Amino acid sequence: MLAVLGVTEGDTVYVTQSDDNGLKNHAHDPAVLEVLAVAEVVMDENQTLLQGLS
């Protein structure tokens, strides 16, 4: 299972409950989460411009 998630020793694996009461295993890269948080701020700050482009 760890090979499928692409994790190695020292990585963090997150287990969450799915909507159908099953379990989901996730390997999150903190750098990706940080970039997504920054992107969300940028999108919030430029919401009017982004709406005009869509």
N, C-alpha and C. Protein backbone atom coordinates (compact mmCIF):
# COMPACT_ATOMS: atom_id res chain seq x y z
N MET A 1 0.83 -1.19 0.00
CA MET A 1 0.00 0.00 0.00
C MET A 1 0.87 1.26 0.00
N LEU A 2 1.95 1.23 0.75
CA LEU A 2 2.81 2.41 0.80
C LEU A 2 3.44 2.70 -0.55
N ALA A 3 3.77 1.65 -1.30
CA ALA A 3 4.36 1.84 -2.62
C ALA A 3 3.35 2.50 -3.56
N VAL A 4 2.09 2.14 -3.45
CA VAL A 4 1.05 2.74 -4.29
C VAL A 4 0.92 4.23 -3.99
N LEU A 5 1.04 4.60 -2.71
CA LEU A 5 0.95 6.01 -2.32
C LEU A 5 2.23 6.77 -2.65
N GLY A 6 3.29 6.03 -2.93
CA GLY A 6 4.56 6.68 -3.25
C GLY A 6 5.25 7.27 -2.03
N VAL A 7 5.06 6.64 -0.88
CA VAL A 7 5.67 7.15 0.34
C VAL A 7 6.86 6.28 0.72
N THR A 8 7.76 6.89 1.46
CA THR A 8 8.93 6.19 1.96
C THR A 8 9.04 6.43 3.45
N GLU A 9 9.99 5.81 4.07
CA GLU A 9 10.19 5.96 5.50
C GLU A 9 10.36 7.44 5.86
N GLY A 10 9.63 7.88 6.86
CA GLY A 10 9.69 9.27 7.29
C GLY A 10 8.57 10.13 6.72
N ASP A 11 7.89 9.67 5.66
CA ASP A 11 6.76 10.42 5.10
C ASP A 11 5.55 10.27 6.01
N THR A 12 4.64 11.20 5.90
CA THR A 12 3.40 11.16 6.67
C THR A 12 2.28 10.63 5.79
N VAL A 13 1.50 9.71 6.34
CA VAL A 13 0.34 9.17 5.64
C VAL A 13 -0.89 9.57 6.45
N TYR A 14 -1.88 10.14 5.76
CA TYR A 14 -3.11 10.57 6.40
C TYR A 14 -4.22 9.58 6.08
N VAL A 15 -4.98 9.18 7.08
CA VAL A 15 -6.12 8.28 6.89
C VAL A 15 -7.37 9.06 7.27
N THR A 16 -8.31 9.13 6.33
CA THR A 16 -9.57 9.83 6.58
C THR A 16 -10.73 8.90 6.26
N GLN A 17 -11.87 9.22 6.82
CA GLN A 17 -13.07 8.43 6.55
C GLN A 17 -13.77 8.98 5.32
N SER A 18 -14.16 8.09 4.42
CA SER A 18 -14.84 8.50 3.21
C SER A 18 -16.34 8.61 3.46
N ASP A 19 -17.06 9.13 2.48
CA ASP A 19 -18.51 9.31 2.61
C ASP A 19 -19.24 7.99 2.79
N ASP A 20 -18.67 6.91 2.26
CA ASP A 20 -19.33 5.60 2.38
C ASP A 20 -18.79 4.79 3.56
N ASN A 21 -18.24 5.49 4.56
CA ASN A 21 -17.70 4.91 5.80
C ASN A 21 -16.48 4.03 5.58
N GLY A 22 -15.86 4.14 4.41
CA GLY A 22 -14.59 3.45 4.18
C GLY A 22 -13.45 4.34 4.65
N LEU A 23 -12.24 3.87 4.41
CA LEU A 23 -11.07 4.65 4.77
C LEU A 23 -10.32 5.05 3.52
N LYS A 24 -9.80 6.28 3.52
CA LYS A 24 -8.97 6.78 2.43
C LYS A 24 -7.57 7.05 2.97
N ASN A 25 -6.58 6.62 2.24
CA ASN A 25 -5.18 6.86 2.61
C ASN A 25 -4.62 7.92 1.67
N HIS A 26 -3.98 8.93 2.24
CA HIS A 26 -3.45 10.03 1.45
C HIS A 26 -2.01 10.31 1.87
N ALA A 27 -1.22 10.66 0.90
CA ALA A 27 0.13 11.15 1.18
C ALA A 27 0.18 12.58 0.67
N HIS A 28 0.26 13.54 1.56
CA HIS A 28 0.25 14.95 1.18
C HIS A 28 1.66 15.52 1.26
N ASP A 29 2.02 16.27 0.27
CA ASP A 29 3.30 16.95 0.25
C ASP A 29 3.08 18.35 0.82
N PRO A 30 3.69 18.67 1.95
CA PRO A 30 3.48 19.99 2.57
C PRO A 30 3.79 21.14 1.63
N ALA A 31 4.77 20.98 0.73
CA ALA A 31 5.11 22.06 -0.20
C ALA A 31 3.95 22.33 -1.14
N VAL A 32 3.27 21.28 -1.57
CA VAL A 32 2.12 21.45 -2.46
C VAL A 32 0.98 22.15 -1.72
N LEU A 33 0.76 21.76 -0.48
CA LEU A 33 -0.30 22.40 0.30
C LEU A 33 -0.01 23.88 0.52
N GLU A 34 1.26 24.22 0.71
CA GLU A 34 1.64 25.62 0.89
C GLU A 34 1.39 26.43 -0.39
N VAL A 35 1.75 25.85 -1.52
CA VAL A 35 1.53 26.53 -2.80
C VAL A 35 0.04 26.71 -3.05
N LEU A 36 -0.76 25.70 -2.73
CA LEU A 36 -2.21 25.82 -2.91
C LEU A 36 -2.80 26.91 -2.02
N ALA A 37 -2.28 27.04 -0.81
CA ALA A 37 -2.75 28.09 0.08
C ALA A 37 -2.43 29.47 -0.47
N VAL A 38 -1.24 29.62 -1.02
CA VAL A 38 -0.84 30.90 -1.63
C VAL A 38 -1.72 31.18 -2.85
N ALA A 39 -1.97 30.16 -3.66
CA ALA A 39 -2.80 30.34 -4.85
C ALA A 39 -4.21 30.77 -4.46
N GLU A 40 -4.73 30.23 -3.37
CA GLU A 40 -6.06 30.61 -2.91
C GLU A 40 -6.11 32.09 -2.52
N VAL A 41 -5.06 32.57 -1.86
CA VAL A 41 -4.99 33.99 -1.49
C VAL A 41 -4.96 34.86 -2.74
N VAL A 42 -4.15 34.48 -3.71
CA VAL A 42 -4.04 35.24 -4.96
C VAL A 42 -5.38 35.27 -5.68
N MET A 43 -6.05 34.13 -5.73
CA MET A 43 -7.36 34.07 -6.40
C MET A 43 -8.39 34.93 -5.67
N ASP A 44 -8.36 34.92 -4.34
CA ASP A 44 -9.27 35.76 -3.57
C ASP A 44 -9.01 37.25 -3.83
N GLU A 45 -7.73 37.62 -3.90
CA GLU A 45 -7.37 39.01 -4.11
C GLU A 45 -7.73 39.49 -5.53
N ASN A 46 -7.80 38.56 -6.48
CA ASN A 46 -8.06 38.91 -7.88
C ASN A 46 -9.36 38.31 -8.40
N GLN A 47 -10.31 38.16 -7.51
CA GLN A 47 -11.58 37.51 -7.87
C GLN A 47 -12.30 38.23 -9.00
N THR A 48 -12.38 39.53 -8.97
CA THR A 48 -13.07 40.29 -10.01
C THR A 48 -12.39 40.09 -11.36
N LEU A 49 -11.08 40.17 -11.38
CA LEU A 49 -10.34 39.97 -12.63
C LEU A 49 -10.57 38.56 -13.17
N LEU A 50 -10.50 37.56 -12.31
CA LEU A 50 -10.67 36.18 -12.74
C LEU A 50 -12.09 35.93 -13.26
N GLN A 51 -13.08 36.55 -12.64
CA GLN A 51 -14.46 36.40 -13.11
C GLN A 51 -14.60 37.02 -14.49
N GLY A 52 -13.94 38.15 -14.73
CA GLY A 52 -14.00 38.80 -16.03
C GLY A 52 -13.35 37.96 -17.12
N LEU A 53 -12.33 37.20 -16.76
CA LEU A 53 -11.64 36.36 -17.74
C LEU A 53 -12.40 35.08 -18.05
N SER A 54 -13.30 34.70 -17.16
CA SER A 54 -14.00 33.41 -17.38
C SER A 54 -15.17 33.51 -18.31
